[in-house]
Amino acid sequence: MNINITARHAEISEEMKAHVHAKLSSVLDDYPNIEHVHVILDIQKFRHSIEVVVQAKRHKHIEARDESDDMYCSIDRVADKLNRQLRRDREKVVDHKAPKHRVKLAESDIAKDTSP
C-alpha cells in the first residue's frame, strides 16, 4: 500500500507525516484490497482540513474529509470516518450471501453438543 501526503498552503513536518502514517496504517491494515492512499493537508487561516482518498481493487474509490482548528484532531477524526466507511463497504460485500447458506457459530456448536 502506498500513502502519498500532499500539503496545500503549508509545510509538513516529519512529526505530522509520522502521525498520518501511524493513524492510517493502523486503520488500513485490516483491509488488504487497498492499493493507493492520497492524503491532502490544507491550512487556510485557522481552518486545518484533511482529505483522504483511497483507491482499492474492483474500482473502489472512498473519500473522507474533516476540518477543525487543530490538524492532529482532524487527522484522528478523518481516520475514524475512513474506518467506518471501509467497514461498511466490506459488510456490504459479505451481506450479499444467501441467508440459508450461513450458519452462525453458536448454532453449529449447539448442534454438535446435542447430537448423540
Protein backbone atom coordinates (compact mmCIF):
# COMPACT_ATOMS: atom_id res chain seq x y z
CA MET A 1 0.00 0.00 0.00
CA ASN A 2 1.29 3.41 -0.97
CA ILE A 3 0.48 6.52 1.14
CA ASN A 4 1.18 9.87 -0.53
CA ILE A 5 0.94 13.05 1.52
CA THR A 6 0.41 16.45 -0.12
CA ALA A 7 0.25 19.84 1.59
CA ARG A 8 -1.51 22.96 0.41
CA HIS A 9 -0.50 26.34 1.80
CA ALA A 10 1.80 24.79 4.41
CA GLU A 11 4.91 22.77 5.06
CA ILE A 12 4.59 19.29 6.52
CA SER A 13 6.80 18.41 9.47
CA GLU A 14 8.21 14.93 9.92
CA GLU A 15 6.13 14.52 13.09
CA MET A 16 2.97 15.27 11.11
CA LYS A 17 3.93 12.70 8.45
CA ALA A 18 4.66 10.11 11.13
CA HIS A 19 1.29 10.81 12.80
CA VAL A 20 -0.58 10.45 9.49
CA HIS A 21 1.24 7.20 8.65
CA ALA A 22 0.64 5.78 12.14
CA LYS A 23 -3.09 6.58 12.17
CA LEU A 24 -3.83 5.50 8.62
CA SER A 25 -1.70 2.36 8.65
CA SER A 26 -3.45 1.15 11.81
CA VAL A 27 -6.82 1.64 10.09
CA LEU A 28 -5.82 0.31 6.66
CA ASP A 29 -4.02 -2.85 7.83
CA ASP A 30 -7.38 -4.61 8.21
CA TYR A 31 -8.26 -4.04 4.54
CA PRO A 32 -5.86 -5.88 2.20
CA ASN A 33 -7.55 -4.75 -1.05
CA ILE A 34 -6.34 -1.15 -0.73
CA GLU A 35 -3.83 -0.20 -3.40
CA HIS A 36 -3.20 3.53 -3.01
CA VAL A 37 -3.95 6.28 -0.46
CA HIS A 38 -3.62 10.02 -1.10
CA VAL A 39 -3.72 12.41 1.87
CA ILE A 40 -4.18 16.15 1.29
CA LEU A 41 -3.47 18.51 4.19
CA ASP A 42 -4.71 22.09 3.81
CA ILE A 43 -4.35 25.12 6.06
CA GLN A 44 -6.37 28.30 5.46
CA LYS A 45 -6.14 30.86 8.24
CA PHE A 46 -7.39 28.94 11.28
CA ARG A 47 -9.02 26.04 9.46
CA HIS A 48 -6.99 22.86 9.22
CA SER A 49 -8.58 20.42 6.82
CA ILE A 50 -7.59 16.96 5.70
CA GLU A 51 -8.87 14.85 2.83
CA VAL A 52 -8.08 11.17 2.35
CA VAL A 53 -8.72 9.43 -0.97
CA VAL A 54 -8.47 5.63 -1.02
CA GLN A 55 -8.20 3.56 -4.19
CA ALA A 56 -8.88 -0.16 -3.79
CA LYS A 57 -9.32 -3.18 -6.00
CA ARG A 58 -12.51 -3.62 -8.03
CA HIS A 59 -12.71 0.13 -8.75
CA LYS A 60 -13.44 1.15 -5.16
CA HIS A 61 -12.98 4.86 -4.50
CA ILE A 62 -13.55 6.06 -0.94
CA GLU A 63 -13.09 9.62 0.34
CA ALA A 64 -13.14 11.09 3.83
CA ARG A 65 -12.82 14.77 4.82
CA ASP A 66 -12.63 16.69 8.06
CA GLU A 67 -11.64 20.14 9.26
CA SER A 68 -11.05 21.71 12.66
CA ASP A 69 -8.78 24.16 14.45
CA ASP A 70 -6.11 21.51 15.11
CA MET A 71 -4.52 19.37 12.40
CA TYR A 72 -3.85 16.41 14.71
CA CYS A 73 -7.51 16.40 15.77
CA SER A 74 -8.55 16.46 12.10
CA ILE A 75 -6.27 13.51 11.33
CA ASP A 76 -7.73 11.47 14.18
CA ARG A 77 -11.32 12.20 13.18
CA VAL A 78 -10.78 11.50 9.48
CA ALA A 79 -9.15 8.15 10.38
CA ASP A 80 -12.29 7.23 12.32
CA LYS A 81 -14.53 8.27 9.42
CA LEU A 82 -12.43 6.28 6.97
CA ASN A 83 -12.56 3.22 9.20
CA ARG A 84 -16.38 3.42 9.36
CA GLN A 85 -16.66 3.79 5.58
CA LEU A 86 -14.32 0.90 4.86
CA ARG A 87 -16.07 -1.36 7.39
CA ARG A 88 -19.48 -0.50 5.88
CA ASP A 89 -18.18 -1.23 2.38
CA ARG A 90 -16.76 -4.60 3.46
CA GLU A 91 -20.02 -5.54 5.22
CA LYS A 92 -22.00 -4.82 2.05
CA VAL A 93 -19.98 -7.42 0.19
CA VAL A 94 -20.41 -10.02 2.94
CA ASP A 95 -24.17 -9.40 3.28
CA HIS A 96 -24.88 -10.45 -0.33
CA LYS A 97 -24.65 -14.13 0.53
CA ALA A 98 -27.90 -16.06 0.76
CA PRO A 99 -29.05 -16.36 4.38
CA LYS A 100 -29.89 -20.09 4.05
CA HIS A 101 -26.21 -20.94 3.50
CA ARG A 102 -24.98 -19.01 6.51
CA VAL A 103 -24.60 -20.87 9.78
CA LYS A 104 -23.88 -18.97 12.95
CA LEU A 105 -21.01 -20.28 15.00
CA ALA A 106 -23.17 -20.55 18.14
CA GLU A 107 -25.78 -22.64 16.30
CA SER A 108 -23.17 -25.07 14.96
CA ASP A 109 -21.74 -25.55 18.48
CA ILE A 110 -25.20 -26.27 19.90
CA ALA A 111 -25.91 -28.78 17.14
CA LYS A 112 -22.66 -30.64 17.92
CA ASP A 113 -23.38 -30.72 21.66
CA THR A 114 -26.94 -32.06 21.29
CA SER A 115 -26.13 -34.78 18.75
CA PRO A 116 -25.96 -38.33 20.27
